[in-house]
Amino acid sequence: MAVGKIKLHNIFHSSGQALLNLLLEERKAEFLPSIFYALREEGIPISFIVQLIAHNGSFILSLTTAQHYLNWVQAALQEGLDLSRSTTLRVQDNVTLITLYGPHLGEIPGIASRILSALVTDGVEVLAMSASLNSSLLVIPQESLAKSLRSLNRICEIPKK
């Protein structure tokens, strides 16, 4: 049985981002809201954020910010969380955040799998992903943007503007 294209309202992308991944003790996670508040007060946007508690109780945080705010965000996390040298804060420069927007994406089984499969088949590395009822966000290496958009256009139906 042929599967139809995923109906979307639009695909947006924002290049010039940096991806930060942080693994820390769960007890330190309580300080994150005040750090994010301070960043917002400074006008520093966080465009993407995903949090996960691992099986061992560690807290994993992934977020993106504009590349030119990277040093500010790193310093805020280092100082605000009082991170030790052994704490892993991994940074990947020059990533792109892609937002797929379409109502009811969360109600259609297998959407994330189809999106990931199309990208991986075309050799695109997906660094992070998040999904909600009406959108899916992907973080990819910036140099993979054109290839990613071709992959997504192959499986998604996007109205012409």
N, C-alpha and C. Protein backbone atom coordinates (compact mmCIF):
# COMPACT_ATOMS: atom_id res chain seq x y z
N MET A 1 0.84 -1.18 0.00
CA MET A 1 0.00 0.00 0.00
C MET A 1 0.89 1.24 0.00
N ALA A 2 0.64 2.16 -0.94
CA ALA A 2 1.42 3.39 -1.03
C ALA A 2 1.03 4.34 0.09
N VAL A 3 2.04 4.96 0.66
CA VAL A 3 1.81 5.92 1.73
C VAL A 3 1.87 7.31 1.12
N GLY A 4 0.86 8.15 1.41
CA GLY A 4 0.81 9.49 0.87
C GLY A 4 1.81 10.41 1.53
N LYS A 5 1.98 11.55 0.92
CA LYS A 5 2.90 12.54 1.47
C LYS A 5 2.34 13.12 2.77
N ILE A 6 3.25 13.50 3.64
CA ILE A 6 2.88 14.14 4.90
C ILE A 6 2.46 15.57 4.58
N LYS A 7 1.26 15.95 4.97
CA LYS A 7 0.76 17.29 4.67
C LYS A 7 1.26 18.28 5.71
N LEU A 8 1.93 19.32 5.23
CA LEU A 8 2.47 20.36 6.09
C LEU A 8 1.93 21.71 5.68
N HIS A 9 1.95 22.65 6.61
CA HIS A 9 1.66 24.04 6.26
C HIS A 9 2.93 24.72 5.78
N ASN A 10 4.07 24.35 6.38
CA ASN A 10 5.31 25.00 6.00
C ASN A 10 6.51 24.30 6.60
N ILE A 11 7.68 24.59 6.03
CA ILE A 11 8.97 24.18 6.58
C ILE A 11 9.77 25.47 6.75
N PHE A 12 10.26 25.68 7.96
CA PHE A 12 11.12 26.83 8.24
C PHE A 12 12.50 26.31 8.60
N HIS A 13 13.52 27.10 8.34
CA HIS A 13 14.85 26.71 8.80
C HIS A 13 15.63 27.93 9.24
N SER A 14 16.48 27.70 10.22
CA SER A 14 17.29 28.76 10.81
C SER A 14 18.73 28.26 10.92
N SER A 15 19.60 28.80 10.08
CA SER A 15 21.00 28.40 10.09
C SER A 15 21.77 29.30 11.04
N GLY A 16 23.06 29.05 11.16
CA GLY A 16 23.90 29.87 12.04
C GLY A 16 23.66 29.60 13.51
N GLN A 17 23.27 28.37 13.82
CA GLN A 17 22.98 27.98 15.20
C GLN A 17 24.14 27.15 15.76
N ALA A 18 24.17 27.01 17.07
CA ALA A 18 25.11 26.12 17.75
C ALA A 18 24.27 25.18 18.62
N LEU A 19 24.66 23.92 18.67
CA LEU A 19 23.98 22.91 19.47
C LEU A 19 24.84 22.62 20.69
N LEU A 20 24.24 22.70 21.87
CA LEU A 20 24.93 22.36 23.11
C LEU A 20 24.25 21.15 23.72
N ASN A 21 25.02 20.17 24.10
CA ASN A 21 24.53 18.98 24.79
C ASN A 21 25.23 18.91 26.13
N LEU A 22 24.44 18.72 27.17
CA LEU A 22 24.98 18.74 28.52
C LEU A 22 24.44 17.56 29.31
N LEU A 23 25.34 16.85 29.97
CA LEU A 23 24.98 15.75 30.85
C LEU A 23 25.33 16.19 32.26
N LEU A 24 24.33 16.21 33.16
CA LEU A 24 24.59 16.64 34.53
C LEU A 24 23.75 15.87 35.51
N GLU A 25 24.07 16.03 36.75
CA GLU A 25 23.31 15.38 37.81
C GLU A 25 21.92 16.00 37.88
N GLU A 26 20.93 15.17 38.14
CA GLU A 26 19.54 15.64 38.14
C GLU A 26 19.32 16.79 39.12
N ARG A 27 20.00 16.76 40.25
CA ARG A 27 19.80 17.80 41.27
C ARG A 27 20.19 19.19 40.76
N LYS A 28 21.09 19.26 39.78
CA LYS A 28 21.51 20.56 39.25
C LYS A 28 20.49 21.13 38.27
N ALA A 29 19.59 20.29 37.78
CA ALA A 29 18.59 20.73 36.81
C ALA A 29 17.66 21.80 37.39
N GLU A 30 17.51 21.84 38.70
CA GLU A 30 16.63 22.84 39.31
C GLU A 30 17.11 24.26 39.08
N PHE A 31 18.37 24.44 38.71
CA PHE A 31 18.92 25.77 38.46
C PHE A 31 18.69 26.25 37.03
N LEU A 32 18.25 25.37 36.15
CA LEU A 32 18.07 25.74 34.75
C LEU A 32 17.04 26.84 34.52
N PRO A 33 15.88 26.84 35.17
CA PRO A 33 14.92 27.92 34.92
C PRO A 33 15.50 29.31 35.16
N SER A 34 16.27 29.48 36.22
CA SER A 34 16.84 30.82 36.48
C SER A 34 17.90 31.18 35.44
N ILE A 35 18.62 30.19 34.95
CA ILE A 35 19.61 30.46 33.90
C ILE A 35 18.90 30.87 32.61
N PHE A 36 17.85 30.15 32.25
CA PHE A 36 17.10 30.50 31.04
C PHE A 36 16.43 31.87 31.18
N TYR A 37 15.95 32.19 32.37
CA TYR A 37 15.36 33.50 32.61
C TYR A 37 16.42 34.59 32.41
N ALA A 38 17.61 34.38 32.95
CA ALA A 38 18.69 35.37 32.80
C ALA A 38 19.06 35.55 31.33
N LEU A 39 19.12 34.46 30.58
CA LEU A 39 19.43 34.56 29.15
C LEU A 39 18.35 35.35 28.42
N ARG A 40 17.09 35.08 28.77
CA ARG A 40 15.99 35.82 28.14
C ARG A 40 16.08 37.30 28.45
N GLU A 41 16.39 37.62 29.71
CA GLU A 41 16.53 39.03 30.10
C GLU A 41 17.66 39.73 29.34
N GLU A 42 18.68 38.98 28.95
CA GLU A 42 19.79 39.52 28.16
C GLU A 42 19.47 39.55 26.67
N GLY A 43 18.29 39.04 26.29
CA GLY A 43 17.89 39.02 24.89
C GLY A 43 18.53 37.89 24.10
N ILE A 44 18.94 36.83 24.79
CA ILE A 44 19.59 35.70 24.14
C ILE A 44 18.56 34.58 23.96
N PRO A 45 18.15 34.33 22.72
CA PRO A 45 17.13 33.31 22.49
C PRO A 45 17.69 31.89 22.49
N ILE A 46 16.91 31.00 23.04
CA ILE A 46 17.17 29.56 22.95
C ILE A 46 16.10 29.03 22.00
N SER A 47 16.51 28.58 20.81
CA SER A 47 15.53 28.21 19.79
C SER A 47 15.00 26.80 19.91
N PHE A 48 15.73 25.94 20.57
CA PHE A 48 15.36 24.53 20.64
C PHE A 48 15.85 24.00 21.97
N ILE A 49 15.01 23.24 22.65
CA ILE A 49 15.45 22.65 23.91
C ILE A 49 14.74 21.32 24.12
N VAL A 50 15.51 20.31 24.46
CA VAL A 50 14.98 18.99 24.77
C VAL A 50 15.69 18.52 26.03
N GLN A 51 14.92 17.98 26.96
CA GLN A 51 15.50 17.44 28.19
C GLN A 51 15.06 16.00 28.37
N LEU A 52 15.94 15.23 28.97
CA LEU A 52 15.70 13.81 29.15
C LEU A 52 16.37 13.36 30.44
N ILE A 53 15.71 12.49 31.16
CA ILE A 53 16.35 11.88 32.33
C ILE A 53 16.73 10.46 31.93
N ALA A 54 18.03 10.17 31.99
CA ALA A 54 18.55 8.87 31.58
C ALA A 54 18.23 7.81 32.64
N HIS A 55 18.43 6.56 32.28
CA HIS A 55 18.16 5.44 33.18
C HIS A 55 18.92 5.55 34.49
N ASN A 56 20.13 6.10 34.44
CA ASN A 56 20.95 6.19 35.65
C ASN A 56 20.64 7.44 36.48
N GLY A 57 19.61 8.20 36.08
CA GLY A 57 19.22 9.39 36.84
C GLY A 57 19.91 10.66 36.37
N SER A 58 20.84 10.56 35.43
CA SER A 58 21.49 11.75 34.89
C SER A 58 20.50 12.55 34.05
N PHE A 59 20.71 13.83 34.00
CA PHE A 59 19.86 14.75 33.26
C PHE A 59 20.59 15.12 31.97
N ILE A 60 19.94 14.97 30.84
CA ILE A 60 20.54 15.31 29.54
C ILE A 60 19.77 16.48 28.95
N LEU A 61 20.49 17.51 28.58
CA LEU A 61 19.89 18.71 28.02
C LEU A 61 20.52 18.99 26.66
N SER A 62 19.69 19.23 25.66
CA SER A 62 20.16 19.65 24.34
C SER A 62 19.45 20.95 24.01
N LEU A 63 20.21 21.93 23.54
CA LEU A 63 19.60 23.21 23.17
C LEU A 63 20.38 23.86 22.04
N THR A 64 19.69 24.73 21.31
CA THR A 64 20.37 25.52 20.28
C THR A 64 20.19 27.00 20.56
N THR A 65 21.19 27.74 20.14
CA THR A 65 21.15 29.20 20.20
C THR A 65 21.90 29.72 18.98
N ALA A 66 21.71 30.97 18.66
CA ALA A 66 22.44 31.56 17.55
C ALA A 66 23.94 31.46 17.82
N GLN A 67 24.70 31.17 16.80
CA GLN A 67 26.14 30.98 16.92
C GLN A 67 26.81 32.14 17.65
N HIS A 68 26.37 33.38 17.37
CA HIS A 68 27.03 34.54 17.99
C HIS A 68 26.72 34.69 19.49
N TYR A 69 25.77 33.90 20.02
CA TYR A 69 25.49 33.92 21.46
C TYR A 69 26.12 32.73 22.20
N LEU A 70 26.83 31.90 21.46
CA LEU A 70 27.36 30.66 22.04
C LEU A 70 28.19 30.90 23.30
N ASN A 71 29.12 31.83 23.27
CA ASN A 71 29.97 32.07 24.44
C ASN A 71 29.16 32.51 25.65
N TRP A 72 28.14 33.32 25.44
CA TRP A 72 27.27 33.76 26.54
C TRP A 72 26.55 32.56 27.16
N VAL A 73 25.99 31.72 26.31
CA VAL A 73 25.22 30.57 26.80
C VAL A 73 26.14 29.58 27.52
N GLN A 74 27.30 29.32 26.94
CA GLN A 74 28.26 28.43 27.61
C GLN A 74 28.63 28.97 28.99
N ALA A 75 28.94 30.26 29.07
CA ALA A 75 29.33 30.85 30.35
C ALA A 75 28.18 30.78 31.35
N ALA A 76 26.96 31.05 30.90
CA ALA A 76 25.80 31.00 31.80
C ALA A 76 25.60 29.59 32.35
N LEU A 77 25.75 28.59 31.50
CA LEU A 77 25.59 27.21 31.96
C LEU A 77 26.74 26.81 32.90
N GLN A 78 27.97 27.16 32.53
CA GLN A 78 29.13 26.81 33.36
C GLN A 78 29.02 27.44 34.74
N GLU A 79 28.71 28.74 34.78
CA GLU A 79 28.66 29.46 36.06
C GLU A 79 27.38 29.16 36.83
N GLY A 80 26.24 29.16 36.14
CA GLY A 80 24.96 28.96 36.80
C GLY A 80 24.79 27.57 37.38
N LEU A 81 25.42 26.59 36.75
CA LEU A 81 25.32 25.21 37.22
C LEU A 81 26.55 24.78 38.00
N ASP A 82 27.53 25.69 38.10
CA ASP A 82 28.78 25.39 38.80
C ASP A 82 29.34 24.06 38.31
N LEU A 83 29.52 23.99 36.98
CA LEU A 83 29.96 22.76 36.35
C LEU A 83 31.43 22.48 36.63
N SER A 84 31.73 21.26 36.96
CA SER A 84 33.12 20.86 37.17
C SER A 84 33.76 20.61 35.81
N ARG A 85 35.06 20.51 35.80
CA ARG A 85 35.79 20.25 34.56
C ARG A 85 35.39 18.90 33.96
N SER A 86 34.96 17.97 34.81
CA SER A 86 34.61 16.63 34.31
C SER A 86 33.20 16.57 33.72
N THR A 87 32.41 17.62 33.92
CA THR A 87 31.06 17.65 33.37
C THR A 87 31.15 17.80 31.85
N THR A 88 30.39 16.99 31.15
CA THR A 88 30.44 17.00 29.70
C THR A 88 29.50 18.06 29.14
N LEU A 89 30.07 19.09 28.51
CA LEU A 89 29.32 20.10 27.77
C LEU A 89 29.86 20.05 26.35
N ARG A 90 29.11 19.41 25.47
CA ARG A 90 29.55 19.24 24.09
C ARG A 90 28.90 20.30 23.22
N VAL A 91 29.70 20.93 22.37
CA VAL A 91 29.20 21.98 21.49
C VAL A 91 29.46 21.58 20.05
N GLN A 92 28.43 21.75 19.22
CA GLN A 92 28.60 21.56 17.78
C GLN A 92 28.22 22.86 17.11
N ASP A 93 29.20 23.45 16.44
CA ASP A 93 28.99 24.72 15.73
C ASP A 93 28.31 24.49 14.39
N ASN A 94 27.75 25.57 13.87
CA ASN A 94 27.20 25.59 12.51
C ASN A 94 26.17 24.50 12.25
N VAL A 95 25.10 24.55 13.02
CA VAL A 95 23.98 23.65 12.79
C VAL A 95 22.78 24.47 12.33
N THR A 96 21.81 23.77 11.79
CA THR A 96 20.58 24.39 11.32
C THR A 96 19.40 23.74 12.04
N LEU A 97 18.47 24.56 12.44
CA LEU A 97 17.23 24.10 13.06
C LEU A 97 16.15 24.14 11.99
N ILE A 98 15.53 22.99 11.72
CA ILE A 98 14.44 22.90 10.75
C ILE A 98 13.15 22.65 11.52
N THR A 99 12.13 23.43 11.23
CA THR A 99 10.81 23.25 11.85
C THR A 99 9.82 22.85 10.77
N LEU A 100 9.21 21.71 10.97
CA LEU A 100 8.13 21.24 10.09
C LEU A 100 6.83 21.57 10.81
N TYR A 101 5.98 22.36 10.19
CA TYR A 101 4.73 22.74 10.83
C TYR A 101 3.55 22.21 10.04
N GLY A 102 2.72 21.45 10.71
CA GLY A 102 1.50 20.92 10.10
C GLY A 102 0.57 20.48 11.20
N PRO A 103 -0.67 20.87 11.13
CA PRO A 103 -1.59 20.50 12.20
C PRO A 103 -1.74 18.99 12.32
N HIS A 104 -1.86 18.55 13.51
CA HIS A 104 -2.17 17.14 13.81
C HIS A 104 -1.05 16.16 13.47
N LEU A 105 0.21 16.63 13.38
CA LEU A 105 1.31 15.70 13.12
C LEU A 105 1.38 14.62 14.19
N GLY A 106 1.09 14.98 15.42
CA GLY A 106 1.16 14.03 16.53
C GLY A 106 0.07 12.98 16.50
N GLU A 107 -0.93 13.16 15.67
CA GLU A 107 -2.03 12.20 15.59
C GLU A 107 -1.83 11.16 14.50
N ILE A 108 -0.76 11.33 13.70
CA ILE A 108 -0.52 10.40 12.59
C ILE A 108 0.64 9.48 12.98
N PRO A 109 0.36 8.19 13.13
CA PRO A 109 1.42 7.25 13.54
C PRO A 109 2.57 7.20 12.52
N GLY A 110 3.79 7.13 13.03
CA GLY A 110 4.95 6.92 12.19
C GLY A 110 5.55 8.14 11.53
N ILE A 111 5.06 9.33 11.86
CA ILE A 111 5.57 10.56 11.22
C ILE A 111 7.07 10.73 11.49
N ALA A 112 7.47 10.65 12.76
CA ALA A 112 8.89 10.84 13.10
C ALA A 112 9.75 9.81 12.40
N SER A 113 9.28 8.57 12.36
CA SER A 113 10.03 7.50 11.70
C SER A 113 10.20 7.78 10.21
N ARG A 114 9.16 8.23 9.55
CA ARG A 114 9.24 8.54 8.12
C ARG A 114 10.20 9.69 7.86
N ILE A 115 10.14 10.71 8.70
CA ILE A 115 11.04 11.86 8.54
C ILE A 115 12.49 11.43 8.73
N LEU A 116 12.76 10.74 9.83
CA LEU A 116 14.13 10.29 10.10
C LEU A 116 14.63 9.34 9.02
N SER A 117 13.78 8.42 8.58
CA SER A 117 14.17 7.45 7.56
C SER A 117 14.56 8.16 6.25
N ALA A 118 13.77 9.14 5.84
CA ALA A 118 14.08 9.87 4.60
C ALA A 118 15.42 10.59 4.71
N LEU A 119 15.66 11.22 5.85
CA LEU A 119 16.91 11.96 6.02
C LEU A 119 18.12 11.02 6.08
N VAL A 120 18.01 9.95 6.85
CA VAL A 120 19.12 9.01 6.99
C VAL A 120 19.40 8.32 5.65
N THR A 121 18.36 7.97 4.91
CA THR A 121 18.53 7.34 3.60
C THR A 121 19.35 8.23 2.68
N ASP A 122 19.18 9.53 2.80
CA ASP A 122 19.91 10.48 1.95
C ASP A 122 21.22 10.94 2.59
N GLY A 123 21.61 10.29 3.69
CA GLY A 123 22.92 10.58 4.28
C GLY A 123 22.97 11.81 5.17
N VAL A 124 21.83 12.24 5.70
CA VAL A 124 21.79 13.40 6.58
C VAL A 124 21.87 12.93 8.03
N GLU A 125 22.78 13.50 8.78
CA GLU A 125 22.90 13.19 10.20
C GLU A 125 21.93 14.08 10.98
N VAL A 126 21.02 13.46 11.72
CA VAL A 126 20.10 14.21 12.57
C VAL A 126 20.72 14.25 13.97
N LEU A 127 21.07 15.45 14.43
CA LEU A 127 21.77 15.63 15.70
C LEU A 127 20.81 15.65 16.87
N ALA A 128 19.58 16.13 16.65
CA ALA A 128 18.56 16.18 17.69
C ALA A 128 17.21 16.30 17.02
N MET A 129 16.18 15.85 17.72
CA MET A 129 14.82 15.93 17.19
C MET A 129 13.84 16.07 18.32
N SER A 130 12.78 16.82 18.06
CA SER A 130 11.70 16.98 19.02
C SER A 130 10.40 17.04 18.22
N ALA A 131 9.32 16.59 18.82
CA ALA A 131 8.05 16.62 18.12
C ALA A 131 6.94 17.00 19.09
N SER A 132 5.93 17.66 18.55
CA SER A 132 4.75 18.01 19.33
C SER A 132 3.54 17.67 18.47
N LEU A 133 2.38 18.08 18.93
CA LEU A 133 1.15 17.78 18.22
C LEU A 133 1.11 18.41 16.82
N ASN A 134 1.73 19.59 16.67
CA ASN A 134 1.63 20.27 15.36
C ASN A 134 2.97 20.62 14.73
N SER A 135 4.09 20.16 15.31
CA SER A 135 5.37 20.47 14.69
C SER A 135 6.41 19.41 15.02
N SER A 136 7.45 19.41 14.21
CA SER A 136 8.60 18.56 14.44
C SER A 136 9.83 19.43 14.21
N LEU A 137 10.77 19.38 15.13
CA LEU A 137 11.99 20.18 15.02
C LEU A 137 13.18 19.24 14.87
N LEU A 138 14.05 19.58 13.95
CA LEU A 138 15.23 18.78 13.66
C LEU A 138 16.46 19.68 13.73
N VAL A 139 17.54 19.17 14.28
CA VAL A 139 18.82 19.88 14.25
C VAL A 139 19.75 19.04 13.40
N ILE A 140 20.31 19.69 12.37
CA ILE A 140 21.19 19.00 11.42
C ILE A 140 22.45 19.84 11.22
N PRO A 141 23.53 19.24 10.70
CA PRO A 141 24.69 20.05 10.33
C PRO A 141 24.30 21.04 9.24
N GLN A 142 24.79 22.26 9.35
CA GLN A 142 24.41 23.31 8.41
C GLN A 142 24.69 22.92 6.96
N GLU A 143 25.79 22.21 6.71
CA GLU A 143 26.13 21.84 5.34
C GLU A 143 25.16 20.83 4.74
N SER A 144 24.28 20.26 5.54
CA SER A 144 23.30 19.29 5.06
C SER A 144 21.93 19.91 4.77
N LEU A 145 21.82 21.23 4.84
CA LEU A 145 20.51 21.87 4.68
C LEU A 145 19.87 21.57 3.33
N ALA A 146 20.58 21.78 2.24
CA ALA A 146 19.98 21.58 0.91
C ALA A 146 19.53 20.13 0.73
N LYS A 147 20.38 19.19 1.15
CA LYS A 147 20.05 17.77 1.03
C LYS A 147 18.84 17.45 1.90
N SER A 148 18.77 18.03 3.10
CA SER A 148 17.64 17.80 4.01
C SER A 148 16.34 18.30 3.41
N LEU A 149 16.37 19.49 2.86
CA LEU A 149 15.15 20.05 2.27
C LEU A 149 14.68 19.22 1.08
N ARG A 150 15.60 18.71 0.27
CA ARG A 150 15.21 17.82 -0.84
C ARG A 150 14.55 16.55 -0.29
N SER A 151 15.14 15.97 0.75
CA SER A 151 14.58 14.76 1.37
C SER A 151 13.17 15.03 1.90
N LEU A 152 13.02 16.13 2.61
CA LEU A 152 11.73 16.46 3.22
C LEU A 152 10.68 16.78 2.17
N ASN A 153 11.08 17.46 1.11
CA ASN A 153 10.12 17.77 0.04
C ASN A 153 9.67 16.51 -0.69
N ARG A 154 10.50 15.48 -0.69
CA ARG A 154 10.14 14.22 -1.32
C ARG A 154 9.02 13.51 -0.54
N ILE A 155 9.00 13.65 0.78
CA ILE A 155 7.99 12.93 1.58
C ILE A 155 6.89 13.84 2.13
N CYS A 156 7.06 15.15 1.96
CA CYS A 156 6.08 16.09 2.51
C CYS A 156 5.41 16.90 1.41
N GLU A 157 4.14 17.19 1.62
CA GLU A 157 3.40 18.05 0.70
C GLU A 157 3.29 19.42 1.37
N ILE A 158 3.88 20.42 0.71
CA ILE A 158 3.89 21.77 1.26
C ILE A 158 3.18 22.68 0.27
N PRO A 159 2.15 23.42 0.70
CA PRO A 159 1.47 24.33 -0.21
C PRO A 159 2.43 25.38 -0.78
N LYS A 160 2.27 25.68 -2.04
CA LYS A 160 3.09 26.73 -2.67
C LYS A 160 2.60 28.09 -2.19
N LYS A 161 3.53 28.98 -2.01
CA LYS A 161 3.17 30.34 -1.53
C LYS A 161 2.77 31.23 -2.66
